[in-house]
N, C-alpha and C. Protein backbone atom coordinates (compact mmCIF):
# COMPACT_ATOMS: atom_id res chain seq x y z
N UNK A 1 4.56 -24.38 -26.83
CA UNK A 1 5.95 -24.70 -26.65
C UNK A 1 6.13 -26.20 -26.90
N UNK A 2 7.12 -26.57 -27.68
CA UNK A 2 7.38 -27.97 -27.98
C UNK A 2 8.22 -28.60 -26.88
N UNK A 3 8.35 -29.94 -26.90
CA UNK A 3 9.20 -30.62 -25.93
C UNK A 3 10.64 -30.17 -26.05
N UNK A 4 11.08 -29.91 -27.27
CA UNK A 4 12.44 -29.44 -27.48
C UNK A 4 12.63 -28.06 -26.84
N UNK A 5 11.64 -27.16 -26.98
CA UNK A 5 11.72 -25.85 -26.35
C UNK A 5 11.79 -25.99 -24.84
N UNK A 6 11.00 -26.90 -24.28
CA UNK A 6 10.98 -27.12 -22.85
C UNK A 6 12.33 -27.60 -22.35
N UNK A 7 12.96 -28.51 -23.09
CA UNK A 7 14.27 -29.01 -22.71
C UNK A 7 15.30 -27.89 -22.77
N UNK A 8 15.26 -27.08 -23.82
CA UNK A 8 16.20 -25.98 -23.94
C UNK A 8 16.00 -24.98 -22.82
N UNK A 9 14.76 -24.72 -22.49
CA UNK A 9 14.47 -23.76 -21.43
C UNK A 9 15.01 -24.26 -20.09
N UNK A 10 14.76 -25.51 -19.75
CA UNK A 10 15.17 -26.00 -18.45
C UNK A 10 16.68 -26.14 -18.33
N UNK A 11 17.39 -26.32 -19.45
CA UNK A 11 18.84 -26.49 -19.39
C UNK A 11 19.56 -25.16 -19.16
N UNK A 12 18.89 -24.04 -19.34
CA UNK A 12 19.54 -22.75 -19.16
C UNK A 12 19.71 -22.39 -17.70
N UNK A 13 18.85 -22.93 -16.84
CA UNK A 13 18.91 -22.57 -15.43
C UNK A 13 18.12 -21.32 -15.09
N UNK A 14 17.50 -20.70 -16.07
CA UNK A 14 16.71 -19.49 -15.84
C UNK A 14 15.28 -19.68 -16.31
N UNK A 15 14.55 -20.56 -15.68
CA UNK A 15 13.16 -20.77 -16.06
C UNK A 15 12.30 -19.60 -15.58
N UNK A 16 12.51 -19.16 -14.34
CA UNK A 16 11.69 -18.08 -13.77
C UNK A 16 12.58 -16.99 -13.20
N UNK A 17 12.37 -15.78 -13.70
CA UNK A 17 13.09 -14.61 -13.20
C UNK A 17 12.07 -13.72 -12.49
N UNK A 18 12.34 -13.39 -11.24
CA UNK A 18 11.48 -12.50 -10.46
C UNK A 18 12.14 -11.13 -10.40
N UNK A 19 11.32 -10.09 -10.63
CA UNK A 19 11.82 -8.71 -10.60
C UNK A 19 10.99 -7.90 -9.62
N UNK A 20 11.65 -7.26 -8.68
CA UNK A 20 10.96 -6.35 -7.77
C UNK A 20 10.86 -4.98 -8.40
N UNK A 21 9.64 -4.45 -8.49
CA UNK A 21 9.45 -3.12 -9.08
C UNK A 21 8.73 -2.21 -8.10
N UNK A 22 9.13 -0.94 -8.09
CA UNK A 22 8.49 0.04 -7.23
C UNK A 22 8.21 1.36 -7.93
N UNK A 23 8.41 1.39 -9.23
CA UNK A 23 8.16 2.60 -10.00
C UNK A 23 9.38 3.47 -10.19
N UNK A 24 10.45 3.20 -9.48
CA UNK A 24 11.67 4.00 -9.61
C UNK A 24 12.35 3.69 -10.95
N UNK A 25 13.20 4.59 -11.39
CA UNK A 25 13.95 4.37 -12.62
C UNK A 25 14.82 3.12 -12.50
N UNK A 26 15.36 2.88 -11.31
CA UNK A 26 16.19 1.70 -11.11
C UNK A 26 15.37 0.42 -11.28
N UNK A 27 14.12 0.44 -10.84
CA UNK A 27 13.30 -0.78 -10.99
C UNK A 27 12.87 -0.97 -12.45
N UNK A 28 12.68 0.11 -13.18
CA UNK A 28 12.39 0.00 -14.60
C UNK A 28 13.60 -0.59 -15.32
N UNK A 29 14.78 -0.12 -14.95
CA UNK A 29 16.01 -0.66 -15.54
C UNK A 29 16.19 -2.13 -15.15
N UNK A 30 15.80 -2.50 -13.92
CA UNK A 30 15.88 -3.90 -13.49
C UNK A 30 14.98 -4.77 -14.36
N UNK A 31 13.77 -4.30 -14.64
CA UNK A 31 12.87 -5.07 -15.50
C UNK A 31 13.44 -5.17 -16.91
N UNK A 32 14.00 -4.09 -17.43
CA UNK A 32 14.62 -4.15 -18.77
C UNK A 32 15.73 -5.20 -18.81
N UNK A 33 16.55 -5.20 -17.78
CA UNK A 33 17.66 -6.16 -17.73
C UNK A 33 17.13 -7.59 -17.64
N UNK A 34 16.11 -7.81 -16.82
CA UNK A 34 15.51 -9.14 -16.69
C UNK A 34 14.91 -9.60 -18.01
N UNK A 35 14.27 -8.68 -18.72
CA UNK A 35 13.69 -9.02 -20.03
C UNK A 35 14.78 -9.40 -21.01
N UNK A 36 15.90 -8.70 -21.00
CA UNK A 36 17.01 -9.05 -21.87
C UNK A 36 17.53 -10.45 -21.59
N UNK A 37 17.64 -10.79 -20.33
CA UNK A 37 18.08 -12.14 -19.95
C UNK A 37 17.04 -13.16 -20.38
N UNK A 38 15.77 -12.85 -20.12
CA UNK A 38 14.68 -13.78 -20.46
C UNK A 38 14.64 -14.05 -21.96
N UNK A 39 14.84 -13.03 -22.76
CA UNK A 39 14.80 -13.21 -24.20
C UNK A 39 15.95 -14.09 -24.69
N UNK A 40 17.09 -14.03 -24.02
CA UNK A 40 18.23 -14.86 -24.41
C UNK A 40 18.06 -16.31 -23.98
N UNK A 41 17.42 -16.52 -22.83
CA UNK A 41 17.35 -17.86 -22.26
C UNK A 41 15.97 -18.49 -22.30
N UNK A 42 14.99 -17.80 -22.87
CA UNK A 42 13.65 -18.36 -22.95
C UNK A 42 12.97 -18.47 -21.59
N UNK A 43 13.23 -17.53 -20.71
CA UNK A 43 12.69 -17.55 -19.36
C UNK A 43 11.36 -16.83 -19.29
N UNK A 44 10.63 -17.08 -18.23
CA UNK A 44 9.46 -16.25 -17.95
C UNK A 44 9.86 -15.24 -16.88
N UNK A 45 9.21 -14.09 -16.90
CA UNK A 45 9.52 -13.00 -15.98
C UNK A 45 8.27 -12.66 -15.19
N UNK A 46 8.43 -12.60 -13.88
CA UNK A 46 7.35 -12.18 -12.98
C UNK A 46 7.77 -10.89 -12.29
N UNK A 47 7.12 -9.78 -12.64
CA UNK A 47 7.37 -8.50 -11.98
C UNK A 47 6.42 -8.40 -10.80
N UNK A 48 6.96 -8.04 -9.65
CA UNK A 48 6.16 -7.97 -8.43
C UNK A 48 6.34 -6.62 -7.77
N UNK A 49 5.22 -5.97 -7.49
CA UNK A 49 5.21 -4.72 -6.73
C UNK A 49 4.60 -5.03 -5.37
N UNK A 50 5.34 -4.75 -4.32
CA UNK A 50 4.90 -5.07 -2.96
C UNK A 50 4.37 -3.79 -2.31
N UNK A 51 3.26 -3.95 -1.60
CA UNK A 51 2.65 -2.81 -0.94
C UNK A 51 2.32 -3.16 0.51
N UNK A 52 2.16 -2.11 1.31
CA UNK A 52 1.73 -2.30 2.70
C UNK A 52 1.07 -1.02 3.18
N UNK A 53 0.25 -1.18 4.18
CA UNK A 53 -0.34 0.00 4.82
C UNK A 53 0.74 0.63 5.69
N UNK A 54 0.92 1.94 5.60
CA UNK A 54 1.95 2.58 6.42
C UNK A 54 1.54 2.60 7.89
N UNK A 55 2.55 2.57 8.74
CA UNK A 55 2.29 2.73 10.17
C UNK A 55 1.93 4.19 10.39
N UNK A 56 0.80 4.42 11.00
CA UNK A 56 0.32 5.78 11.18
C UNK A 56 -0.35 5.91 12.53
N UNK A 57 -0.13 7.04 13.17
CA UNK A 57 -0.78 7.32 14.45
C UNK A 57 -2.07 8.11 14.27
N UNK A 58 -2.33 8.46 13.04
CA UNK A 58 -3.58 9.15 12.73
C UNK A 58 -4.34 8.30 11.72
N UNK A 59 -5.64 8.42 11.68
CA UNK A 59 -6.39 7.62 10.71
C UNK A 59 -5.98 7.96 9.27
N UNK A 60 -5.89 6.92 8.47
CA UNK A 60 -5.58 7.13 7.05
C UNK A 60 -6.82 7.64 6.34
N UNK A 61 -6.65 8.40 5.28
CA UNK A 61 -7.81 8.87 4.52
C UNK A 61 -8.62 7.69 3.99
N UNK A 62 -9.92 7.86 3.93
CA UNK A 62 -10.81 6.79 3.46
C UNK A 62 -10.54 6.43 2.00
N UNK A 63 -9.95 7.34 1.24
CA UNK A 63 -9.71 7.12 -0.18
C UNK A 63 -8.31 6.57 -0.46
N UNK A 64 -7.57 6.17 0.55
CA UNK A 64 -6.21 5.67 0.38
C UNK A 64 -6.24 4.16 0.17
N UNK A 65 -5.76 3.72 -1.01
CA UNK A 65 -5.75 2.30 -1.37
C UNK A 65 -4.36 1.91 -1.89
N UNK A 66 -3.44 1.52 -1.01
CA UNK A 66 -2.09 1.20 -1.48
C UNK A 66 -2.05 0.00 -2.43
N UNK A 67 -3.02 -0.90 -2.33
CA UNK A 67 -3.06 -2.03 -3.25
C UNK A 67 -3.34 -1.57 -4.68
N UNK A 68 -4.22 -0.59 -4.81
CA UNK A 68 -4.50 -0.04 -6.15
C UNK A 68 -3.30 0.76 -6.68
N UNK A 69 -2.64 1.47 -5.77
CA UNK A 69 -1.43 2.20 -6.17
C UNK A 69 -0.38 1.23 -6.71
N UNK A 70 -0.22 0.09 -6.03
CA UNK A 70 0.76 -0.91 -6.46
C UNK A 70 0.39 -1.47 -7.83
N UNK A 71 -0.90 -1.70 -8.07
CA UNK A 71 -1.34 -2.19 -9.39
C UNK A 71 -1.00 -1.17 -10.48
N UNK A 72 -1.21 0.11 -10.18
CA UNK A 72 -0.88 1.15 -11.16
C UNK A 72 0.63 1.20 -11.41
N UNK A 73 1.41 1.06 -10.34
CA UNK A 73 2.86 1.11 -10.47
C UNK A 73 3.36 -0.03 -11.34
N UNK A 74 2.93 -1.25 -11.06
CA UNK A 74 3.42 -2.39 -11.83
C UNK A 74 2.96 -2.29 -13.29
N UNK A 75 1.78 -1.75 -13.53
CA UNK A 75 1.32 -1.54 -14.91
C UNK A 75 2.14 -0.48 -15.62
N UNK A 76 2.48 0.61 -14.90
CA UNK A 76 3.29 1.67 -15.50
C UNK A 76 4.69 1.20 -15.83
N UNK A 77 5.28 0.40 -14.93
CA UNK A 77 6.62 -0.13 -15.18
C UNK A 77 6.59 -1.06 -16.38
N UNK A 78 5.58 -1.94 -16.45
CA UNK A 78 5.46 -2.85 -17.59
C UNK A 78 5.28 -2.06 -18.88
N UNK A 79 4.47 -1.01 -18.86
CA UNK A 79 4.26 -0.19 -20.05
C UNK A 79 5.54 0.51 -20.47
N UNK A 80 6.35 0.94 -19.50
CA UNK A 80 7.61 1.61 -19.83
C UNK A 80 8.57 0.66 -20.55
N UNK A 81 8.48 -0.62 -20.24
CA UNK A 81 9.38 -1.59 -20.85
C UNK A 81 8.80 -2.20 -22.12
N UNK A 82 7.51 -2.55 -22.10
CA UNK A 82 6.90 -3.28 -23.22
C UNK A 82 5.99 -2.45 -24.11
N UNK A 83 5.60 -1.28 -23.67
CA UNK A 83 4.59 -0.54 -24.41
C UNK A 83 3.23 -1.14 -24.13
N UNK A 84 2.38 -1.21 -25.14
CA UNK A 84 1.01 -1.66 -24.92
C UNK A 84 0.81 -3.16 -25.03
N UNK A 85 1.77 -3.89 -25.55
CA UNK A 85 1.58 -5.34 -25.68
C UNK A 85 2.65 -6.10 -24.90
N UNK A 86 2.20 -6.83 -23.91
CA UNK A 86 3.11 -7.62 -23.07
C UNK A 86 3.25 -9.02 -23.65
N UNK A 87 4.45 -9.58 -23.59
CA UNK A 87 4.62 -10.95 -24.07
C UNK A 87 3.92 -11.94 -23.15
N UNK A 88 3.60 -13.10 -23.66
CA UNK A 88 2.87 -14.08 -22.84
C UNK A 88 3.73 -14.69 -21.75
N UNK A 89 5.05 -14.55 -21.80
CA UNK A 89 5.94 -15.08 -20.78
C UNK A 89 6.17 -14.08 -19.63
N UNK A 90 5.42 -12.99 -19.64
CA UNK A 90 5.55 -11.95 -18.61
C UNK A 90 4.28 -11.86 -17.78
N UNK A 91 4.43 -11.77 -16.46
CA UNK A 91 3.31 -11.49 -15.58
C UNK A 91 3.67 -10.35 -14.64
N UNK A 92 2.66 -9.59 -14.28
CA UNK A 92 2.83 -8.49 -13.34
C UNK A 92 1.83 -8.69 -12.21
N UNK A 93 2.32 -8.73 -10.98
CA UNK A 93 1.46 -8.96 -9.84
C UNK A 93 1.81 -8.03 -8.70
N UNK A 94 0.92 -7.98 -7.73
CA UNK A 94 1.17 -7.22 -6.50
C UNK A 94 0.98 -8.16 -5.32
N UNK A 95 1.70 -7.85 -4.25
CA UNK A 95 1.56 -8.61 -3.01
C UNK A 95 1.68 -7.67 -1.83
N UNK A 96 0.95 -7.97 -0.79
CA UNK A 96 1.03 -7.18 0.44
C UNK A 96 2.15 -7.72 1.31
N UNK A 97 2.87 -6.81 1.97
CA UNK A 97 3.90 -7.22 2.91
C UNK A 97 5.12 -6.33 2.86
N UNK A 98 6.19 -6.83 3.42
CA UNK A 98 7.48 -6.15 3.38
C UNK A 98 8.15 -6.50 2.06
N UNK A 99 8.64 -5.49 1.35
CA UNK A 99 9.21 -5.74 0.02
C UNK A 99 10.32 -6.78 0.08
N UNK A 100 11.25 -6.63 0.99
CA UNK A 100 12.37 -7.58 1.07
C UNK A 100 11.87 -8.98 1.39
N UNK A 101 10.98 -9.11 2.36
CA UNK A 101 10.51 -10.44 2.76
C UNK A 101 9.72 -11.12 1.65
N UNK A 102 8.89 -10.37 0.95
CA UNK A 102 8.11 -10.95 -0.14
C UNK A 102 9.04 -11.40 -1.26
N UNK A 103 10.01 -10.58 -1.63
CA UNK A 103 10.92 -10.95 -2.71
C UNK A 103 11.80 -12.13 -2.32
N UNK A 104 12.24 -12.18 -1.07
CA UNK A 104 13.02 -13.33 -0.60
C UNK A 104 12.15 -14.59 -0.65
N UNK A 105 10.90 -14.47 -0.25
CA UNK A 105 9.97 -15.61 -0.34
C UNK A 105 9.81 -16.05 -1.80
N UNK A 106 9.63 -15.10 -2.71
CA UNK A 106 9.49 -15.42 -4.13
C UNK A 106 10.76 -16.05 -4.70
N UNK A 107 11.92 -15.72 -4.11
CA UNK A 107 13.18 -16.26 -4.63
C UNK A 107 13.29 -17.77 -4.43
N UNK A 108 12.48 -18.33 -3.54
CA UNK A 108 12.52 -19.79 -3.33
C UNK A 108 12.14 -20.56 -4.59
N UNK A 109 11.26 -19.99 -5.40
CA UNK A 109 10.85 -20.68 -6.63
C UNK A 109 11.38 -19.99 -7.89
N UNK A 110 12.38 -19.13 -7.71
CA UNK A 110 12.96 -18.41 -8.85
C UNK A 110 14.37 -18.91 -9.13
N UNK A 111 14.81 -18.67 -10.35
CA UNK A 111 16.18 -18.99 -10.73
C UNK A 111 17.07 -17.75 -10.68
N UNK A 112 16.44 -16.58 -10.67
CA UNK A 112 17.16 -15.32 -10.59
C UNK A 112 16.21 -14.28 -10.03
N UNK A 113 16.70 -13.46 -9.11
CA UNK A 113 15.95 -12.32 -8.56
C UNK A 113 16.66 -11.06 -9.00
N UNK A 114 15.91 -10.14 -9.60
CA UNK A 114 16.48 -8.89 -10.09
C UNK A 114 15.81 -7.74 -9.36
N UNK A 115 16.61 -6.87 -8.75
CA UNK A 115 16.09 -5.72 -8.03
C UNK A 115 16.88 -4.48 -8.43
N UNK A 116 16.25 -3.35 -8.29
CA UNK A 116 16.92 -2.10 -8.58
C UNK A 116 17.58 -1.54 -7.33
N UNK A 117 18.58 -0.72 -7.55
CA UNK A 117 19.23 0.00 -6.47
C UNK A 117 19.09 1.47 -6.77
N UNK A 118 18.87 2.25 -5.80
CA UNK A 118 18.74 3.68 -6.03
C UNK A 118 20.10 4.35 -6.13
N UNK A 119 21.16 3.56 -6.07
CA UNK A 119 22.50 4.10 -6.28
C UNK A 119 23.03 4.89 -5.11
N UNK A 120 22.61 4.57 -3.89
CA UNK A 120 23.14 5.28 -2.73
C UNK A 120 24.62 4.97 -2.58
N UNK A 121 25.37 6.01 -2.30
CA UNK A 121 26.79 5.82 -2.04
C UNK A 121 27.13 6.35 -0.66
N UNK A 122 28.38 6.23 -0.29
CA UNK A 122 28.81 6.75 1.00
C UNK A 122 28.05 6.14 2.15
N UNK A 123 27.74 6.96 3.16
CA UNK A 123 27.05 6.46 4.34
C UNK A 123 25.65 5.96 4.03
N UNK A 124 24.96 6.61 3.10
CA UNK A 124 23.60 6.17 2.77
C UNK A 124 23.60 4.75 2.24
N UNK A 125 24.62 4.38 1.50
CA UNK A 125 24.71 3.03 0.97
C UNK A 125 25.00 1.99 2.02
N UNK A 126 25.47 2.42 3.20
CA UNK A 126 25.79 1.49 4.26
C UNK A 126 24.61 1.20 5.18
N UNK A 127 23.52 1.92 5.00
CA UNK A 127 22.37 1.73 5.88
C UNK A 127 21.82 0.32 5.74
N UNK A 128 21.57 -0.32 6.88
CA UNK A 128 20.96 -1.64 6.86
C UNK A 128 19.49 -1.49 6.55
N UNK A 129 18.94 -2.52 5.96
CA UNK A 129 17.50 -2.52 5.73
C UNK A 129 17.09 -2.21 4.31
N UNK A 130 18.02 -1.86 3.45
CA UNK A 130 17.60 -1.62 2.07
C UNK A 130 17.13 -2.94 1.47
N UNK A 131 16.15 -2.86 0.60
CA UNK A 131 15.59 -4.06 -0.01
C UNK A 131 16.65 -4.82 -0.79
N UNK A 132 17.45 -4.12 -1.58
CA UNK A 132 18.44 -4.82 -2.39
C UNK A 132 19.48 -5.52 -1.52
N UNK A 133 19.90 -4.90 -0.44
CA UNK A 133 20.89 -5.53 0.46
C UNK A 133 20.30 -6.75 1.14
N UNK A 134 19.07 -6.66 1.60
CA UNK A 134 18.44 -7.80 2.25
C UNK A 134 18.25 -8.95 1.27
N UNK A 135 17.83 -8.62 0.06
CA UNK A 135 17.65 -9.67 -0.96
C UNK A 135 18.99 -10.32 -1.29
N UNK A 136 20.03 -9.53 -1.46
CA UNK A 136 21.34 -10.08 -1.79
C UNK A 136 21.84 -11.00 -0.70
N UNK A 137 21.55 -10.69 0.53
CA UNK A 137 22.04 -11.50 1.64
C UNK A 137 21.20 -12.74 1.91
N UNK A 138 19.89 -12.66 1.71
CA UNK A 138 19.00 -13.74 2.16
C UNK A 138 18.27 -14.50 1.06
N UNK A 139 18.46 -14.13 -0.18
CA UNK A 139 17.74 -14.77 -1.28
C UNK A 139 18.11 -16.24 -1.39
N UNK A 140 17.19 -17.02 -1.94
CA UNK A 140 17.40 -18.45 -2.16
C UNK A 140 17.91 -18.74 -3.56
N UNK A 141 18.18 -17.68 -4.34
CA UNK A 141 18.71 -17.83 -5.69
C UNK A 141 19.66 -16.66 -5.94
N UNK A 142 20.39 -16.67 -7.05
CA UNK A 142 21.25 -15.53 -7.37
C UNK A 142 20.44 -14.25 -7.49
N UNK A 143 21.08 -13.13 -7.11
CA UNK A 143 20.44 -11.81 -7.15
C UNK A 143 21.27 -10.88 -8.03
N UNK A 144 20.57 -10.18 -8.91
CA UNK A 144 21.20 -9.15 -9.74
C UNK A 144 20.66 -7.81 -9.27
N UNK A 145 21.55 -6.93 -8.79
CA UNK A 145 21.15 -5.58 -8.37
C UNK A 145 21.52 -4.63 -9.49
N UNK A 146 20.52 -3.96 -10.04
CA UNK A 146 20.70 -3.10 -11.20
C UNK A 146 20.62 -1.64 -10.77
N UNK A 147 21.61 -0.88 -11.17
CA UNK A 147 21.63 0.55 -10.86
C UNK A 147 20.97 1.34 -11.97
N UNK A 148 20.37 2.46 -11.61
CA UNK A 148 19.78 3.38 -12.58
C UNK A 148 20.92 4.12 -13.26
N UNK A 149 21.11 3.86 -14.54
CA UNK A 149 22.22 4.46 -15.28
C UNK A 149 22.17 5.98 -15.29
N UNK A 150 20.98 6.55 -15.43
CA UNK A 150 20.86 8.02 -15.48
C UNK A 150 21.31 8.64 -14.17
N UNK A 151 20.95 8.02 -13.04
CA UNK A 151 21.36 8.55 -11.74
C UNK A 151 22.86 8.45 -11.56
N UNK A 152 23.45 7.35 -12.01
CA UNK A 152 24.90 7.19 -11.89
C UNK A 152 25.64 8.19 -12.74
N UNK A 153 25.14 8.47 -13.94
CA UNK A 153 25.80 9.39 -14.84
C UNK A 153 25.72 10.83 -14.35
N UNK A 154 24.65 11.16 -13.61
CA UNK A 154 24.51 12.54 -13.12
C UNK A 154 25.31 12.77 -11.84
N UNK A 155 25.83 11.72 -11.23
CA UNK A 155 26.66 11.86 -10.03
C UNK A 155 25.84 11.91 -8.77
N UNK A 156 26.51 12.05 -7.63
CA UNK A 156 25.80 12.04 -6.34
C UNK A 156 24.87 13.24 -6.19
N UNK A 157 23.74 12.98 -5.57
CA UNK A 157 22.75 14.03 -5.33
C UNK A 157 23.11 14.79 -4.06
N UNK A 158 22.94 16.07 -4.07
CA UNK A 158 23.26 16.89 -2.90
C UNK A 158 22.06 17.08 -2.03
């Protein structure tokens, strides 16, 4: 990257875009949208899949590895968007913790946070605690909540 590219990149205000991915169609669409923005503004994109051990009153199976599941998810989402070759301005990582808290933490060093919404409407959409709602309220940067177009077009689920 030349000095001129660096100046152009920093003047856009979108140097780093963070995307929360969980394997859902909405998160794939969120990554697609972030990539479109990144390509227009010369930004880098960091896709993050957050994992945690579930609260359980019984022992978890010895073969259960949520960190490996998260790595597979973030790789599958990246493959759905980029195919087999990822651009050098894209990174895919996993982190342990609460999805909302990790993404809010990542938003401190981001210029834009992009998350998917599962398109809940009615009472389900009013539930507190959804990742997208928490990110929208507490993020340290602007947040773009992307809906899964296919789910919206098919209408509410019964």
